[in-house]
Amino acid sequence: MTSIASVTLDVADPEAAHRFYTTAFCLDTQIRLRASEAPTTGFRGFTLSLTVSQPANVNSLIDAALDAGATSLKPAAKSLWGYGGVVQAPDGTIWKIATSAKKDTGPATRQFDEIVLLLGVADVAASKRFYVGQGIAVAKSFGRVYVEFAAGSSPVKLALYRRRALAKDAGVSPDGTGSHRLIIGGDGGSFTDPDGFAWEAVSPAPAP
C-alpha cells in the first residue's frame, strides 16, 4: 500500500521554522523543511492538523504556538464534533489543533495522537479515484465531501476535503495563487495530483 513517508514544507527560513515547530508543537523529524522562495499568495490549499486526546491539550498547543509567533485564525472553541482551534505558523502554514473529546481526563500536555494532512481539492470524488489509482487505500469516505485514507505505519494521515470548505474551516478566504509550498514524500513514486500537489519518491523510514 502506498503511504506518506514524509511531508516537506517549503519555507523562506528553515532554521526559524525549525525553531518554531520544535518550540510550539515539539515536532522535529515528523515535518521536514526546505528553503524556498517560490511565489505564493493567500490560501495554499492545504492544512495540517494535530489531533489530541482532550481540550486541555488543544489549549496547551495553541498557547505554545502563539507564544512562539503563530497567528490565531480561529480561537479554540467547542463545536458539534468536539473542541479545536486554528493557527497560522510564521512560515504561512495553517495548523488546526483539535480533539473529539468534550471533557478533560487528565493534566494538560502537548502530546498529540496523530498528524493529518488535509488537501483542499476541486473535486473530492475525482481526487479519490486518482489516489486509489496510485495505490492508496481508502479508510473513510463521505461521498463528494470528505475522504480519509488508511495511514498504515505512516507518520502522517492523508485526507481530502473540498477546497472552499477547507478554507472556511481554517478561517481564511479560499483564494490563493502560486506554489502550495508543500512536497509529499511517499513510497509510490513521483507524481502530481489533479490539484497540483506534488509527490516525490521517498523510501519509508526504517522501523525503530
Foldseek 3Di string as FASTA:
>chain_A
DKAFQAKEFAFQDQVLVQVLCCQQQVDHRRYHYDHDPWDKDFALFKAKEFEAAFPLLQVSSVVRNVVSPWAWLFPWDADPQEIWGWIAHPRGHIYIYTYSDHHDDDHHDSDTDAMEMEGADQWQVQQVVVVVVLVWAWDDDDHRAKTWTDRVPHRYTYMYGHQCVVCVVNNTGSDMDTHSSMETEMCSAWDATPVGHTYHHDDHDDDD
